[in-house]
């Protein structure tokens, strides 16, 4: 699994920059918590090798989810 170097939130897109030189982008609406966060909260992200942490909004997103396109929002149950 590639390691995470940096995370950038730009408008409606989240960019995961990987240490192998790739950048993987996904729409911010994959995470309801990130989408509802203030711009300041969206920028306060901590990065480990395989995860991005937004402590202010209690959100964690893993490299695996992003690479495999796993949407983070759970579908509503009817």
N, C-alpha and C. Protein backbone atom coordinates (compact mmCIF):
# COMPACT_ATOMS: atom_id res chain seq x y z
N UNK A 1 0.86 -1.18 0.00
CA UNK A 1 0.00 0.00 0.00
C UNK A 1 0.90 1.24 0.00
N UNK A 2 0.68 2.17 -0.93
CA UNK A 2 1.49 3.40 -0.95
C UNK A 2 1.24 4.24 0.31
N UNK A 3 2.25 4.98 0.67
CA UNK A 3 2.17 5.82 1.87
C UNK A 3 1.71 7.23 1.51
N UNK A 4 1.02 7.83 2.45
CA UNK A 4 0.46 9.16 2.27
C UNK A 4 1.51 10.22 2.62
N UNK A 5 1.66 11.22 1.76
CA UNK A 5 2.60 12.30 1.99
C UNK A 5 1.90 13.56 2.49
N UNK A 6 0.72 13.86 1.90
CA UNK A 6 0.05 15.11 2.20
C UNK A 6 -1.42 15.00 1.77
N UNK A 7 -2.25 15.84 2.37
CA UNK A 7 -3.66 15.92 2.00
C UNK A 7 -4.01 17.39 1.82
N UNK A 8 -4.71 17.69 0.74
CA UNK A 8 -5.14 19.05 0.46
C UNK A 8 -6.63 19.02 0.14
N UNK A 9 -7.38 19.95 0.75
CA UNK A 9 -8.79 20.11 0.43
C UNK A 9 -8.92 21.40 -0.37
N UNK A 10 -9.44 21.27 -1.59
CA UNK A 10 -9.63 22.42 -2.48
C UNK A 10 -11.06 22.44 -2.96
N UNK A 11 -11.80 23.45 -2.52
CA UNK A 11 -13.19 23.59 -2.94
C UNK A 11 -13.97 22.31 -2.67
N UNK A 12 -14.37 21.60 -3.70
CA UNK A 12 -15.17 20.39 -3.56
C UNK A 12 -14.38 19.12 -3.78
N UNK A 13 -13.05 19.21 -3.68
CA UNK A 13 -12.20 18.06 -3.97
C UNK A 13 -11.18 17.86 -2.85
N UNK A 14 -10.93 16.59 -2.54
CA UNK A 14 -9.88 16.23 -1.58
C UNK A 14 -8.78 15.53 -2.38
N UNK A 15 -7.55 15.98 -2.18
CA UNK A 15 -6.40 15.41 -2.88
C UNK A 15 -5.52 14.66 -1.88
N UNK A 16 -5.29 13.39 -2.15
CA UNK A 16 -4.34 12.59 -1.38
C UNK A 16 -3.07 12.51 -2.21
N UNK A 17 -2.00 13.13 -1.73
CA UNK A 17 -0.71 13.06 -2.42
C UNK A 17 0.08 11.93 -1.79
N UNK A 18 0.47 10.99 -2.61
CA UNK A 18 1.15 9.79 -2.14
C UNK A 18 2.66 9.95 -2.31
N UNK A 19 3.41 9.24 -1.48
CA UNK A 19 4.87 9.35 -1.52
C UNK A 19 5.47 8.81 -2.80
N UNK A 20 4.73 8.00 -3.54
CA UNK A 20 5.26 7.48 -4.81
C UNK A 20 5.06 8.46 -5.97
N UNK A 21 4.54 9.66 -5.66
CA UNK A 21 4.39 10.70 -6.67
C UNK A 21 3.00 10.85 -7.23
N UNK A 22 2.12 9.89 -6.97
CA UNK A 22 0.75 9.99 -7.46
C UNK A 22 -0.08 10.92 -6.59
N UNK A 23 -1.10 11.50 -7.18
CA UNK A 23 -2.12 12.25 -6.46
C UNK A 23 -3.47 11.64 -6.83
N UNK A 24 -4.24 11.31 -5.81
CA UNK A 24 -5.56 10.72 -6.02
C UNK A 24 -6.59 11.71 -5.48
N UNK A 25 -7.55 12.06 -6.32
CA UNK A 25 -8.57 13.04 -5.95
C UNK A 25 -9.92 12.35 -5.81
N UNK A 26 -10.73 12.87 -4.89
CA UNK A 26 -12.10 12.39 -4.75
C UNK A 26 -12.99 13.56 -4.33
N UNK A 27 -14.26 13.49 -4.65
CA UNK A 27 -15.17 14.58 -4.29
C UNK A 27 -15.39 14.65 -2.79
N UNK A 28 -15.45 15.86 -2.28
CA UNK A 28 -15.61 16.06 -0.84
C UNK A 28 -16.91 15.45 -0.32
N UNK A 29 -17.91 15.30 -1.19
CA UNK A 29 -19.17 14.74 -0.71
C UNK A 29 -19.09 13.24 -0.42
N UNK A 30 -17.93 12.62 -0.64
CA UNK A 30 -17.72 11.25 -0.17
C UNK A 30 -17.72 11.20 1.35
N UNK A 31 -17.45 12.31 1.99
CA UNK A 31 -17.43 12.39 3.44
C UNK A 31 -18.41 13.47 3.89
N UNK A 32 -19.49 13.05 4.49
CA UNK A 32 -20.47 14.03 4.96
C UNK A 32 -19.87 14.94 6.03
N UNK A 33 -18.95 14.42 6.83
CA UNK A 33 -18.31 15.23 7.87
C UNK A 33 -17.43 16.31 7.25
N UNK A 34 -16.65 15.96 6.26
CA UNK A 34 -15.80 16.96 5.60
C UNK A 34 -16.64 17.98 4.85
N UNK A 35 -17.68 17.52 4.21
CA UNK A 35 -18.54 18.43 3.46
C UNK A 35 -19.20 19.45 4.38
N UNK A 36 -19.59 19.04 5.57
CA UNK A 36 -20.26 19.94 6.52
C UNK A 36 -19.28 20.80 7.32
N UNK A 37 -18.01 20.50 7.27
CA UNK A 37 -17.00 21.22 8.05
C UNK A 37 -16.75 22.61 7.48
N UNK A 38 -16.27 23.48 8.34
CA UNK A 38 -15.86 24.82 7.90
C UNK A 38 -14.57 24.70 7.09
N UNK A 39 -14.25 25.70 6.27
CA UNK A 39 -12.98 25.66 5.53
C UNK A 39 -11.77 25.49 6.46
N UNK A 40 -11.78 26.13 7.62
CA UNK A 40 -10.68 25.98 8.58
C UNK A 40 -10.58 24.53 9.06
N UNK A 41 -11.71 23.93 9.39
CA UNK A 41 -11.70 22.54 9.84
C UNK A 41 -11.23 21.60 8.74
N UNK A 42 -11.60 21.87 7.52
CA UNK A 42 -11.18 21.03 6.40
C UNK A 42 -9.66 21.06 6.23
N UNK A 43 -9.03 22.19 6.54
CA UNK A 43 -7.58 22.33 6.36
C UNK A 43 -6.77 21.78 7.53
N UNK A 44 -7.41 21.57 8.68
CA UNK A 44 -6.69 21.06 9.85
C UNK A 44 -6.65 19.53 9.80
N UNK A 45 -5.74 19.02 9.02
CA UNK A 45 -5.63 17.58 8.82
C UNK A 45 -4.24 17.12 9.25
N UNK A 46 -4.20 15.97 9.92
CA UNK A 46 -2.94 15.34 10.27
C UNK A 46 -2.81 14.08 9.43
N UNK A 47 -1.58 13.78 9.04
CA UNK A 47 -1.34 12.67 8.11
C UNK A 47 -0.39 11.67 8.75
N UNK A 48 -0.76 10.38 8.69
CA UNK A 48 0.16 9.30 9.02
C UNK A 48 0.48 8.58 7.71
N UNK A 49 1.17 7.46 7.78
CA UNK A 49 1.52 6.75 6.56
C UNK A 49 0.31 6.33 5.73
N UNK A 50 -0.77 5.93 6.41
CA UNK A 50 -1.90 5.35 5.68
C UNK A 50 -3.24 6.03 5.94
N UNK A 51 -3.25 7.07 6.78
CA UNK A 51 -4.52 7.71 7.14
C UNK A 51 -4.40 9.22 7.22
N UNK A 52 -5.52 9.89 6.96
CA UNK A 52 -5.66 11.33 7.20
C UNK A 52 -6.66 11.49 8.32
N UNK A 53 -6.34 12.34 9.30
CA UNK A 53 -7.16 12.54 10.49
C UNK A 53 -7.61 14.00 10.58
N UNK A 54 -8.89 14.21 10.70
CA UNK A 54 -9.46 15.53 10.99
C UNK A 54 -10.06 15.43 12.38
N UNK A 55 -9.26 15.72 13.40
CA UNK A 55 -9.71 15.56 14.79
C UNK A 55 -10.89 16.45 15.13
N UNK A 56 -10.92 17.67 14.59
CA UNK A 56 -12.00 18.61 14.91
C UNK A 56 -13.38 18.08 14.54
N UNK A 57 -13.43 17.24 13.49
CA UNK A 57 -14.72 16.76 13.02
C UNK A 57 -14.86 15.24 13.15
N UNK A 58 -13.88 14.62 13.81
CA UNK A 58 -13.90 13.18 14.07
C UNK A 58 -14.01 12.37 12.77
N UNK A 59 -13.11 12.67 11.83
CA UNK A 59 -13.10 11.96 10.55
C UNK A 59 -11.72 11.36 10.30
N UNK A 60 -11.71 10.13 9.82
CA UNK A 60 -10.49 9.44 9.42
C UNK A 60 -10.74 8.84 8.04
N UNK A 61 -9.80 9.09 7.12
CA UNK A 61 -9.92 8.52 5.79
C UNK A 61 -8.61 7.81 5.46
N UNK A 62 -8.71 6.57 5.04
CA UNK A 62 -7.54 5.77 4.74
C UNK A 62 -7.18 5.77 3.27
N UNK A 63 -5.90 5.56 3.00
CA UNK A 63 -5.41 5.47 1.63
C UNK A 63 -6.15 4.36 0.89
N UNK A 64 -6.38 3.25 1.54
CA UNK A 64 -7.06 2.12 0.90
C UNK A 64 -8.44 2.52 0.38
N UNK A 65 -9.20 3.27 1.19
CA UNK A 65 -10.53 3.72 0.76
C UNK A 65 -10.44 4.58 -0.50
N UNK A 66 -9.47 5.46 -0.51
CA UNK A 66 -9.32 6.38 -1.63
C UNK A 66 -8.87 5.65 -2.90
N UNK A 67 -7.90 4.76 -2.76
CA UNK A 67 -7.39 4.05 -3.94
C UNK A 67 -8.43 3.13 -4.56
N UNK A 68 -9.24 2.52 -3.72
CA UNK A 68 -10.23 1.57 -4.23
C UNK A 68 -11.60 2.20 -4.46
N UNK A 69 -11.68 3.52 -4.28
CA UNK A 69 -12.91 4.23 -4.60
C UNK A 69 -14.07 3.91 -3.69
N UNK A 70 -13.78 3.58 -2.44
CA UNK A 70 -14.85 3.27 -1.50
C UNK A 70 -15.46 4.56 -0.97
N UNK A 71 -16.67 4.80 -1.37
CA UNK A 71 -17.39 5.99 -0.91
C UNK A 71 -17.52 5.90 0.61
N UNK A 72 -17.36 7.02 1.30
CA UNK A 72 -17.32 7.02 2.75
C UNK A 72 -18.68 7.21 3.40
N UNK A 73 -19.63 7.68 2.64
CA UNK A 73 -20.97 7.93 3.19
C UNK A 73 -21.76 6.64 3.17
N UNK A 74 -22.34 6.32 4.28
CA UNK A 74 -23.19 5.15 4.34
C UNK A 74 -24.54 5.49 3.71
N UNK A 75 -25.08 4.61 2.89
CA UNK A 75 -26.38 4.90 2.29
C UNK A 75 -27.46 4.96 3.35
N UNK A 76 -28.43 5.81 3.13
CA UNK A 76 -29.53 5.92 4.11
C UNK A 76 -30.37 4.66 4.05
N UNK A 77 -30.84 4.26 5.20
CA UNK A 77 -31.69 3.07 5.27
C UNK A 77 -33.13 3.49 5.30
N UNK A 78 -33.94 2.84 4.53
CA UNK A 78 -35.36 3.19 4.43
C UNK A 78 -36.20 2.11 5.04
